[in-house]
Every structure is written in C-alpha cells, then in structure tokens.
Amino acid sequence: MNFEVTRTERDETVTLAVKGEIDMSSAGEFRRALDDSQAASRLVLDLTGVDYLDSAGVKVLFDHLGQQPEVMVSSGTVILRVLDLTGLRDQLAIREI
C-alpha cells in the first residue's frame, strides 16, 4: 500500500493524517512530517488510515514524544496493540475512534 501524509492547519493545530504502512521504507517521510510540525501548539496524528506499524515507525513516534501529539487510532487495530506492547500507549494521548 502507498504511504501518504496529509497535513492540515487550523488556528494553532496541525493535523497529520497518515495512510498506509509506516515501516522502514516510509519512516523517513513520517519523521520529516513530524519534524516540520514542531512549531505547532497542538499536534494531532490521525493514524486511523494506518494498517501496519513496525519498529522504524515506533522509533519515530518515540523520538517525537516531546511534541505531545494527540494520536487517533481505530479501536481494536493492530496499531493499538503495537502501541501497547512498546509502552507508547502510556506515553501518548490516545483517542480511540
């Protein structure tokens, strides 16, 4: 599946809607999108369109914990399980949809 990040800005909130697989081939693009959003007062990561997250994607999320992103995920998905197993679920503001 193709990887895509769509960025929208409203007031002081940046929303990154991510679709596809976050793996070692797309982690660089994911990292750049997060790096480019560091000045935002509020960062929302919409991961409801992500169907795979490997260790490279987990590392990018871990490296950006300081941005305190609000992460939207679909309930019952493997993404939520990965965040549980890595301990990131306890460190991120997760909103299940």
PDB file of N, CA and C in Angstrom:
ATOM      1  N   MET A   1       0.845  -1.184   0.000  1.00  0.00           N
ATOM      2  CA  MET A   1       0.000   0.000   0.000  1.00  0.00           C
ATOM      3  C   MET A   1       0.884   1.239   0.000  1.00  0.00           C
ATOM      4  N   ASN A   2       0.459   2.259  -0.693  1.00  0.00           N
ATOM      5  CA  ASN A   2       1.195   3.513  -0.734  1.00  0.00           C
ATOM      6  C   ASN A   2       1.115   4.220   0.613  1.00  0.00           C
ATOM      7  N   PHE A   3       2.155   4.980   0.919  1.00  0.00           N
ATOM      8  CA  PHE A   3       2.208   5.763   2.142  1.00  0.00           C
ATOM      9  C   PHE A   3       1.913   7.207   1.804  1.00  0.00           C
ATOM     10  N   GLU A   4       1.107   7.847   2.654  1.00  0.00           N
ATOM     11  CA  GLU A   4       0.740   9.233   2.394  1.00  0.00           C
ATOM     12  C   GLU A   4       0.513   9.966   3.713  1.00  0.00           C
ATOM     13  N   VAL A   5       1.034  11.189   3.796  1.00  0.00           N
ATOM     14  CA  VAL A   5       0.774  12.062   4.946  1.00  0.00           C
ATOM     15  C   VAL A   5       0.143  13.339   4.412  1.00  0.00           C
ATOM     16  N   THR A   6      -1.032  13.661   4.926  1.00  0.00           N
ATOM     17  CA  THR A   6      -1.722  14.886   4.552  1.00  0.00           C
ATOM     18  C   THR A   6      -1.706  15.821   5.750  1.00  0.00           C
ATOM     19  N   ARG A   7      -1.218  17.012   5.535  1.00  0.00           N
ATOM     20  CA  ARG A   7      -1.102  17.997   6.612  1.00  0.00           C
ATOM     21  C   ARG A   7      -2.170  19.072   6.450  1.00  0.00           C
ATOM     22  N   THR A   8      -2.886  19.346   7.527  1.00  0.00           N
ATOM     23  CA  THR A   8      -3.829  20.454   7.553  1.00  0.00           C
ATOM     24  C   THR A   8      -3.534  21.306   8.782  1.00  0.00           C
ATOM     25  N   GLU A   9      -3.752  22.599   8.636  1.00  0.00           N
ATOM     26  CA  GLU A   9      -3.532  23.526   9.736  1.00  0.00           C
ATOM     27  C   GLU A   9      -4.795  24.335   9.958  1.00  0.00           C
ATOM     28  N   ARG A  10      -5.140  24.474  11.227  1.00  0.00           N
ATOM     29  CA  ARG A  10      -6.285  25.305  11.598  1.00  0.00           C
ATOM     30  C   ARG A  10      -5.958  25.941  12.933  1.00  0.00           C
ATOM     31  N   ASP A  11      -6.010  27.253  12.956  1.00  0.00           N
ATOM     32  CA  ASP A  11      -5.594  28.014  14.134  1.00  0.00           C
ATOM     33  C   ASP A  11      -4.167  27.593  14.482  1.00  0.00           C
ATOM     34  N   GLU A  12      -3.944  27.084  15.671  1.00  0.00           N
ATOM     35  CA  GLU A  12      -2.586  26.665  16.060  1.00  0.00           C
ATOM     36  C   GLU A  12      -2.456  25.146  16.128  1.00  0.00           C
ATOM     37  N   THR A  13      -3.372  24.440  15.463  1.00  0.00           N
ATOM     38  CA  THR A  13      -3.365  22.979  15.457  1.00  0.00           C
ATOM     39  C   THR A  13      -2.936  22.462  14.094  1.00  0.00           C
ATOM     40  N   VAL A  14      -1.972  21.556  14.109  1.00  0.00           N
ATOM     41  CA  VAL A  14      -1.556  20.859  12.891  1.00  0.00           C
ATOM     42  C   VAL A  14      -2.052  19.424  13.009  1.00  0.00           C
ATOM     43  N   THR A  15      -2.742  18.965  11.981  1.00  0.00           N
ATOM     44  CA  THR A  15      -3.203  17.583  11.927  1.00  0.00           C
ATOM     45  C   THR A  15      -2.476  16.880  10.797  1.00  0.00           C
ATOM     46  N   LEU A  16      -1.878  15.752  11.124  1.00  0.00           N
ATOM     47  CA  LEU A  16      -1.233  14.903  10.128  1.00  0.00           C
ATOM     48  C   LEU A  16      -2.068  13.632   9.993  1.00  0.00           C
ATOM     49  N   ALA A  17      -2.710  13.463   8.848  1.00  0.00           N
ATOM     50  CA  ALA A  17      -3.483  12.257   8.566  1.00  0.00           C
ATOM     51  C   ALA A  17      -2.587  11.312   7.779  1.00  0.00           C
ATOM     52  N   VAL A  18      -2.316  10.166   8.376  1.00  0.00           N
ATOM     53  CA  VAL A  18      -1.371   9.211   7.794  1.00  0.00           C
ATOM     54  C   VAL A  18      -2.147   8.019   7.260  1.00  0.00           C
ATOM     55  N   LYS A  19      -1.786   7.590   6.049  1.00  0.00           N
ATOM     56  CA  LYS A  19      -2.420   6.425   5.435  1.00  0.00           C
ATOM     57  C   LYS A  19      -1.350   5.485   4.916  1.00  0.00           C
ATOM     58  N   GLY A  20      -1.623   4.197   5.033  1.00  0.00           N
ATOM     59  CA  GLY A  20      -0.704   3.194   4.508  1.00  0.00           C
ATOM     60  C   GLY A  20       0.075   2.503   5.606  1.00  0.00           C
ATOM     61  N   GLU A  21       1.288   2.103   5.266  1.00  0.00           N
ATOM     62  CA  GLU A  21       2.151   1.380   6.194  1.00  0.00           C
ATOM     63  C   GLU A  21       3.304   2.255   6.633  1.00  0.00           C
ATOM     64  N   ILE A  22       3.528   2.290   7.953  1.00  0.00           N
ATOM     65  CA  ILE A  22       4.693   3.006   8.478  1.00  0.00           C
ATOM     66  C   ILE A  22       5.736   1.944   8.789  1.00  0.00           C
ATOM     67  N   ASP A  23       6.708   1.846   7.895  1.00  0.00           N
ATOM     68  CA  ASP A  23       7.783   0.864   8.048  1.00  0.00           C
ATOM     69  C   ASP A  23       9.099   1.531   7.680  1.00  0.00           C
ATOM     70  N   MET A  24      10.151   0.751   7.544  1.00  0.00           N
ATOM     71  CA  MET A  24      11.457   1.366   7.291  1.00  0.00           C
ATOM     72  C   MET A  24      11.516   2.119   5.966  1.00  0.00           C
ATOM     73  N   SER A  25      10.662   1.777   5.012  1.00  0.00           N
ATOM     74  CA  SER A  25      10.689   2.500   3.737  1.00  0.00           C
ATOM     75  C   SER A  25       9.945   3.835   3.802  1.00  0.00           C
ATOM     76  N   SER A  26       9.042   3.994   4.757  1.00  0.00           N
ATOM     77  CA  SER A  26       8.273   5.239   4.857  1.00  0.00           C
ATOM     78  C   SER A  26       8.580   6.034   6.128  1.00  0.00           C
ATOM     79  N   ALA A  27       9.372   5.483   7.026  1.00  0.00           N
ATOM     80  CA  ALA A  27       9.654   6.143   8.310  1.00  0.00           C
ATOM     81  C   ALA A  27      10.332   7.498   8.123  1.00  0.00           C
ATOM     82  N   GLY A  28      11.165   7.635   7.124  1.00  0.00           N
ATOM     83  CA  GLY A  28      11.837   8.910   6.869  1.00  0.00           C
ATOM     84  C   GLY A  28      10.845  10.013   6.519  1.00  0.00           C
ATOM     85  N   GLU A  29       9.890   9.692   5.677  1.00  0.00           N
ATOM     86  CA  GLU A  29       8.867  10.669   5.305  1.00  0.00           C
ATOM     87  C   GLU A  29       7.982  11.009   6.517  1.00  0.00           C
ATOM     88  N   PHE A  30       7.660   9.991   7.318  1.00  0.00           N
ATOM     89  CA  PHE A  30       6.882  10.197   8.534  1.00  0.00           C
ATOM     90  C   PHE A  30       7.648  11.115   9.498  1.00  0.00           C
ATOM     91  N   ARG A  31       8.933  10.873   9.654  1.00  0.00           N
ATOM     92  CA  ARG A  31       9.784  11.690  10.521  1.00  0.00           C
ATOM     93  C   ARG A  31       9.822  13.148  10.037  1.00  0.00           C
ATOM     94  N   ARG A  32       9.992  13.341   8.739  1.00  0.00           N
ATOM     95  CA  ARG A  32      10.027  14.705   8.187  1.00  0.00           C
ATOM     96  C   ARG A  32       8.724  15.453   8.449  1.00  0.00           C
ATOM     97  N   ALA A  33       7.600  14.749   8.308  1.00  0.00           N
ATOM     98  CA  ALA A  33       6.303  15.385   8.553  1.00  0.00           C
ATOM     99  C   ALA A  33       6.188  15.827  10.010  1.00  0.00           C
ATOM    100  N   LEU A  34       6.661  14.994  10.929  1.00  0.00           N
ATOM    101  CA  LEU A  34       6.632  15.360  12.348  1.00  0.00           C
ATOM    102  C   LEU A  34       7.629  16.477  12.646  1.00  0.00           C
ATOM    103  N   ASP A  35       8.811  16.391  12.047  1.00  0.00           N
ATOM    104  CA  ASP A  35       9.815  17.448  12.242  1.00  0.00           C
ATOM    105  C   ASP A  35       9.288  18.796  11.764  1.00  0.00           C
ATOM    106  N   ASP A  36       8.592  18.799  10.637  1.00  0.00           N
ATOM    107  CA  ASP A  36       8.054  20.031  10.066  1.00  0.00           C
ATOM    108  C   ASP A  36       6.895  20.603  10.885  1.00  0.00           C
ATOM    109  N   SER A  37       6.410  19.838  11.852  1.00  0.00           N
ATOM    110  CA  SER A  37       5.267  20.270  12.662  1.00  0.00           C
ATOM    111  C   SER A  37       5.671  20.645  14.086  1.00  0.00           C
ATOM    112  N   GLN A  38       6.958  20.772  14.341  1.00  0.00           N
ATOM    113  CA  GLN A  38       7.419  21.029  15.703  1.00  0.00           C
ATOM    114  C   GLN A  38       6.970  22.379  16.253  1.00  0.00           C
ATOM    115  N   ALA A  39       6.708  23.351  15.415  1.00  0.00           N
ATOM    116  CA  ALA A  39       6.319  24.680  15.893  1.00  0.00           C
ATOM    117  C   ALA A  39       4.835  24.762  16.262  1.00  0.00           C
ATOM    118  N   ALA A  40       4.079  23.726  15.959  1.00  0.00           N
ATOM    119  CA  ALA A  40       2.637  23.754  16.232  1.00  0.00           C
ATOM    120  C   ALA A  40       2.373  23.731  17.737  1.00  0.00           C
ATOM    121  N   SER A  41       1.381  24.493  18.160  1.00  0.00           N
ATOM    122  CA  SER A  41       0.971  24.483  19.563  1.00  0.00           C
ATOM    123  C   SER A  41       0.312  23.152  19.920  1.00  0.00           C
ATOM    124  N   ARG A  42      -0.406  22.595  18.954  1.00  0.00           N
ATOM    125  CA  ARG A  42      -1.103  21.318  19.164  1.00  0.00           C
ATOM    126  C   ARG A  42      -0.905  20.463  17.921  1.00  0.00           C
ATOM    127  N   LEU A  43      -0.511  19.220  18.151  1.00  0.00           N
ATOM    128  CA  LEU A  43      -0.293  18.289  17.046  1.00  0.00           C
ATOM    129  C   LEU A  43      -1.230  17.104  17.196  1.00  0.00           C
ATOM    130  N   VAL A  44      -1.983  16.828  16.144  1.00  0.00           N
ATOM    131  CA  VAL A  44      -2.877  15.674  16.109  1.00  0.00           C
ATOM    132  C   VAL A  44      -2.368  14.728  15.030  1.00  0.00           C
ATOM    133  N   LEU A  45      -2.145  13.473  15.416  1.00  0.00           N
ATOM    134  CA  LEU A  45      -1.742  12.430  14.466  1.00  0.00           C
ATOM    135  C   LEU A  45      -2.934  11.513  14.244  1.00  0.00           C
ATOM    136  N   ASP A  46      -3.468  11.536  13.060  1.00  0.00           N
ATOM    137  CA  ASP A  46      -4.581  10.657  12.711  1.00  0.00           C
ATOM    138  C   ASP A  46      -3.996   9.403  12.069  1.00  0.00           C
ATOM    139  N   LEU A  47      -3.931   8.335  12.863  1.00  0.00           N
ATOM    140  CA  LEU A  47      -3.384   7.072  12.371  1.00  0.00           C
ATOM    141  C   LEU A  47      -4.488   6.074  12.032  1.00  0.00           C
ATOM    142  N   THR A  48      -5.718   6.545  11.874  1.00  0.00           N
ATOM    143  CA  THR A  48      -6.821   5.634  11.568  1.00  0.00           C
ATOM    144  C   THR A  48      -6.668   4.990  10.190  1.00  0.00           C
ATOM    145  N   GLY A  49      -5.883   5.588   9.319  1.00  0.00           N
ATOM    146  CA  GLY A  49      -5.652   5.025   7.990  1.00  0.00           C
ATOM    147  C   GLY A  49      -4.393   4.180   7.898  1.00  0.00           C
ATOM    148  N   VAL A  50      -3.741   3.938   9.040  1.00  0.00           N
ATOM    149  CA  VAL A  50      -2.504   3.138   9.067  1.00  0.00           C
ATOM    150  C   VAL A  50      -2.860   1.696   9.376  1.00  0.00           C
ATOM    151  N   ASP A  51      -2.376   0.776   8.531  1.00  0.00           N
ATOM    152  CA  ASP A  51      -2.670  -0.626   8.773  1.00  0.00           C
ATOM    153  C   ASP A  51      -1.437  -1.440   9.153  1.00  0.00           C
ATOM    154  N   TYR A  52      -0.296  -0.792   9.287  1.00  0.00           N
ATOM    155  CA  TYR A  52       0.919  -1.504   9.701  1.00  0.00           C
ATOM    156  C   TYR A  52       1.883  -0.494  10.310  1.00  0.00           C
ATOM    157  N   LEU A  53       2.473  -0.859  11.437  1.00  0.00           N
ATOM    158  CA  LEU A  53       3.442  -0.010  12.125  1.00  0.00           C
ATOM    159  C   LEU A  53       4.557  -0.908  12.623  1.00  0.00           C
ATOM    160  N   ASP A  54       5.776  -0.728  12.073  1.00  0.00           N
ATOM    161  CA  ASP A  54       6.888  -1.557  12.528  1.00  0.00           C
ATOM    162  C   ASP A  54       7.799  -0.760  13.458  1.00  0.00           C
ATOM    163  N   SER A  55       8.921  -1.337  13.816  1.00  0.00           N
ATOM    164  CA  SER A  55       9.820  -0.712  14.790  1.00  0.00           C
ATOM    165  C   SER A  55      10.368   0.632  14.310  1.00  0.00           C
ATOM    166  N   ALA A  56      10.524   0.815  13.009  1.00  0.00           N
ATOM    167  CA  ALA A  56      11.005   2.103  12.494  1.00  0.00           C
ATOM    168  C   ALA A  56       9.975   3.199  12.770  1.00  0.00           C
ATOM    169  N   GLY A  57       8.716   2.890  12.599  1.00  0.00           N
ATOM    170  CA  GLY A  57       7.649   3.848  12.893  1.00  0.00           C
ATOM    171  C   GLY A  57       7.523   4.108  14.386  1.00  0.00           C
ATOM    172  N   VAL A  58       7.684   3.055  15.187  1.00  0.00           N
ATOM    173  CA  VAL A  58       7.650   3.209  16.642  1.00  0.00           C
ATOM    174  C   VAL A  58       8.771   4.143  17.089  1.00  0.00           C
ATOM    175  N   LYS A  59       9.948   3.993  16.506  1.00  0.00           N
ATOM    176  CA  LYS A  59      11.097   4.843  16.847  1.00  0.00           C
ATOM    177  C   LYS A  59      10.793   6.307  16.527  1.00  0.00           C
ATOM    178  N   VAL A  60      10.169   6.570  15.399  1.00  0.00           N
ATOM    179  CA  VAL A  60       9.812   7.941  15.035  1.00  0.00           C
ATOM    180  C   VAL A  60       8.835   8.518  16.063  1.00  0.00           C
ATOM    181  N   LEU A  61       7.821   7.739  16.447  1.00  0.00           N
ATOM    182  CA  LEU A  61       6.881   8.206  17.463  1.00  0.00           C
ATOM    183  C   LEU A  61       7.599   8.485  18.781  1.00  0.00           C
ATOM    184  N   PHE A  62       8.470   7.564  19.181  1.00  0.00           N
ATOM    185  CA  PHE A  62       9.215   7.731  20.429  1.00  0.00           C
ATOM    186  C   PHE A  62      10.064   8.999  20.394  1.00  0.00           C
ATOM    187  N   ASP A  63      10.717   9.249  19.278  1.00  0.00           N
ATOM    188  CA  ASP A  63      11.579  10.432  19.141  1.00  0.00           C
ATOM    189  C   ASP A  63      10.798  11.738  19.192  1.00  0.00           C
ATOM    190  N   HIS A  64       9.499  11.684  18.968  1.00  0.00           N
ATOM    191  CA  HIS A  64       8.679  12.897  18.942  1.00  0.00           C
ATOM    192  C   HIS A  64       7.711  12.994  20.122  1.00  0.00           C
ATOM    193  N   LEU A  65       7.971  12.252  21.183  1.00  0.00           N
ATOM    194  CA  LEU A  65       7.118  12.326  22.370  1.00  0.00           C
ATOM    195  C   LEU A  65       7.084  13.735  22.949  1.00  0.00           C
ATOM    196  N   GLY A  66       8.169  14.483  22.803  1.00  0.00           N
ATOM    197  CA  GLY A  66       8.249  15.838  23.323  1.00  0.00           C
ATOM    198  C   GLY A  66       7.228  16.782  22.703  1.00  0.00           C
ATOM    199  N   GLN A  67       6.734  16.442  21.528  1.00  0.00           N
ATOM    200  CA  GLN A  67       5.703  17.258  20.882  1.00  0.00           C
ATOM    201  C   GLN A  67       4.325  16.995  21.480  1.00  0.00           C
ATOM    202  N   GLN A  68       4.217  15.987  22.313  1.00  0.00           N
ATOM    203  CA  GLN A  68       2.971  15.590  22.963  1.00  0.00           C
ATOM    204  C   GLN A  68       1.814  15.491  21.976  1.00  0.00           C
ATOM    205  N   PRO A  69       1.986  14.673  20.935  1.00  0.00           N
ATOM    206  CA  PRO A  69       0.906  14.567  19.945  1.00  0.00           C
ATOM    207  C   PRO A  69      -0.316  13.854  20.515  1.00  0.00           C
ATOM    208  N   GLU A  70      -1.469  14.280  20.048  1.00  0.00           N
ATOM    209  CA  GLU A  70      -2.704  13.545  20.324  1.00  0.00           C
ATOM    210  C   GLU A  70      -2.843  12.560  19.174  1.00  0.00           C
ATOM    211  N   VAL A  71      -2.963  11.278  19.488  1.00  0.00           N
ATOM    212  CA  VAL A  71      -2.955  10.240  18.459  1.00  0.00           C
ATOM    213  C   VAL A  71      -4.336   9.609  18.355  1.00  0.00           C
ATOM    214  N   MET A  72      -4.897   9.637  17.158  1.00  0.00           N
ATOM    215  CA  MET A  72      -6.182   8.999  16.894  1.00  0.00           C
ATOM    216  C   MET A  72      -5.924   7.663  16.209  1.00  0.00           C
ATOM    217  N   VAL A  73      -6.506   6.595  16.775  1.00  0.00           N
ATOM    218  CA  VAL A  73      -6.381   5.266  16.189  1.00  0.00           C
ATOM    219  C   VAL A  73      -7.748   4.596  16.186  1.00  0.00           C
ATOM    220  N   SER A  74      -7.917   3.664  15.282  1.00  0.00           N
ATOM    221  CA  SER A  74      -9.160   2.895  15.245  1.00  0.00           C
ATOM    222  C   SER A  74      -9.126   1.848  16.346  1.00  0.00           C
ATOM    223  N   SER A  75     -10.254   1.684  17.035  1.00  0.00           N
ATOM    224  CA  SER A  75     -10.347   0.694  18.108  1.00  0.00           C
ATOM    225  C   SER A  75     -10.106  -0.712  17.567  1.00  0.00           C
ATOM    226  N   GLY A  76      -9.428  -1.516  18.359  1.00  0.00           N
ATOM    227  CA  GLY A  76      -9.236  -2.916  18.017  1.00  0.00           C
ATOM    228  C   GLY A  76      -8.243  -3.198  16.910  1.00  0.00           C
ATOM    229  N   THR A  77      -7.443  -2.219  16.519  1.00  0.00           N
ATOM    230  CA  THR A  77      -6.499  -2.440  15.426  1.00  0.00           C
ATOM    231  C   THR A  77      -5.152  -2.931  15.934  1.00  0.00           C
ATOM    232  N   VAL A  78      -4.377  -3.449  15.030  1.00  0.00           N
ATOM    233  CA  VAL A  78      -3.035  -3.907  15.369  1.00  0.00           C
ATOM    234  C   VAL A  78      -2.151  -2.727  15.790  1.00  0.00           C
ATOM    235  N   ILE A  79      -2.447  -1.543  15.302  1.00  0.00           N
ATOM    236  CA  ILE A  79      -1.668  -0.358  15.670  1.00  0.00           C
ATOM    237  C   ILE A  79      -1.777  -0.118  17.174  1.00  0.00           C
ATOM    238  N   LEU A  80      -2.963  -0.241  17.699  1.00  0.00           N
ATOM    239  CA  LEU A  80      -3.176  -0.072  19.132  1.00  0.00           C
ATOM    240  C   LEU A  80      -2.413  -1.135  19.918  1.00  0.00           C
ATOM    241  N   ARG A  81      -2.394  -2.332  19.412  1.00  0.00           N
ATOM    242  CA  ARG A  81      -1.653  -3.430  20.063  1.00  0.00           C
ATOM    243  C   ARG A  81      -0.154  -3.134  20.071  1.00  0.00           C
ATOM    244  N   VAL A  82       0.383  -2.615  18.978  1.00  0.00           N
ATOM    245  CA  VAL A  82       1.805  -2.266  18.910  1.00  0.00           C
ATOM    246  C   VAL A  82       2.119  -1.164  19.929  1.00  0.00           C
ATOM    247  N   LEU A  83       1.253  -0.165  20.030  1.00  0.00           N
ATOM    248  CA  LEU A  83       1.471   0.907  20.999  1.00  0.00           C
ATOM    249  C   LEU A  83       1.428   0.370  22.429  1.00  0.00           C
ATOM    250  N   ASP A  84       0.570  -0.627  22.675  1.00  0.00           N
ATOM    251  CA  ASP A  84       0.525  -1.286  23.982  1.00  0.00           C
ATOM    252  C   ASP A  84       1.832  -2.020  24.280  1.00  0.00           C
ATOM    253  N   LEU A  85       2.253  -2.841  23.341  1.00  0.00           N
ATOM    254  CA  LEU A  85       3.444  -3.678  23.539  1.00  0.00           C
ATOM    255  C   LEU A  85       4.715  -2.863  23.729  1.00  0.00           C
ATOM    256  N   THR A  86       4.795  -1.716  23.092  1.00  0.00           N
ATOM    257  CA  THR A  86       6.003  -0.892  23.178  1.00  0.00           C
ATOM    258  C   THR A  86       5.976   0.085  24.345  1.00  0.00           C
ATOM    259  N   GLY A  87       4.836   0.186  25.018  1.00  0.00           N
ATOM    260  CA  GLY A  87       4.709   1.124  26.122  1.00  0.00           C
ATOM    261  C   GLY A  87       4.364   2.540  25.688  1.00  0.00           C
ATOM    262  N   LEU A  88       4.238   2.758  24.401  1.00  0.00           N
ATOM    263  CA  LEU A  88       3.917   4.103  23.913  1.00  0.00           C
ATOM    264  C   LEU A  88       2.482   4.515  24.238  1.00  0.00           C
ATOM    265  N   ARG A  89       1.630   3.541  24.420  1.00  0.00           N
ATOM    266  CA  ARG A  89       0.235   3.882  24.736  1.00  0.00           C
ATOM    267  C   ARG A  89       0.159   4.668  26.050  1.00  0.00           C
ATOM    268  N   ASP A  90       1.027   4.350  26.976  1.00  0.00           N
ATOM    269  CA  ASP A  90       1.034   5.047  28.271  1.00  0.00           C
ATOM    270  C   ASP A  90       1.676   6.431  28.176  1.00  0.00           C
ATOM    271  N   GLN A  91       2.411   6.690  27.114  1.00  0.00           N
ATOM    272  CA  GLN A  91       3.134   7.959  26.985  1.00  0.00           C
ATOM    273  C   GLN A  91       2.477   8.920  26.004  1.00  0.00           C
ATOM    274  N   LEU A  92       1.512   8.438  25.255  1.00  0.00           N
ATOM    275  CA  LEU A  92       0.832   9.260  24.255  1.00  0.00           C
ATOM    276  C   LEU A  92      -0.621   9.479  24.664  1.00  0.00           C
ATOM    277  N   ALA A  93      -1.170  10.601  24.255  1.00  0.00           N
ATOM    278  CA  ALA A  93      -2.603  10.845  24.430  1.00  0.00           C
ATOM    279  C   ALA A  93      -3.303  10.153  23.274  1.00  0.00           C
ATOM    280  N   ILE A  94      -3.914   9.005  23.565  1.00  0.00           N
ATOM    281  CA  ILE A  94      -4.553   8.182  22.540  1.00  0.00           C
ATOM    282  C   ILE A  94      -6.057   8.409  22.576  1.00  0.00           C
ATOM    283  N   ARG A  95      -6.613   8.627  21.388  1.00  0.00           N
ATOM    284  CA  ARG A  95      -8.071   8.705  21.257  1.00  0.00           C
ATOM    285  C   ARG A  95      -8.504   7.608  20.299  1.00  0.00           C
ATOM    286  N   GLU A  96      -9.238   6.636  20.832  1.00  0.00           N
ATOM    287  CA  GLU A  96      -9.748   5.541  20.003  1.00  0.00           C
ATOM    288  C   GLU A  96     -11.027   5.965  19.324  1.00  0.00           C
ATOM    289  N   ILE A  97     -11.099   5.681  18.042  1.00  0.00           N
ATOM    290  CA  ILE A  97     -12.286   6.037  17.252  1.00  0.00           C
ATOM    291  C   ILE A  97     -12.955   4.774  16.769  1.00  0.00           C
TER     292      ILE A  97
END
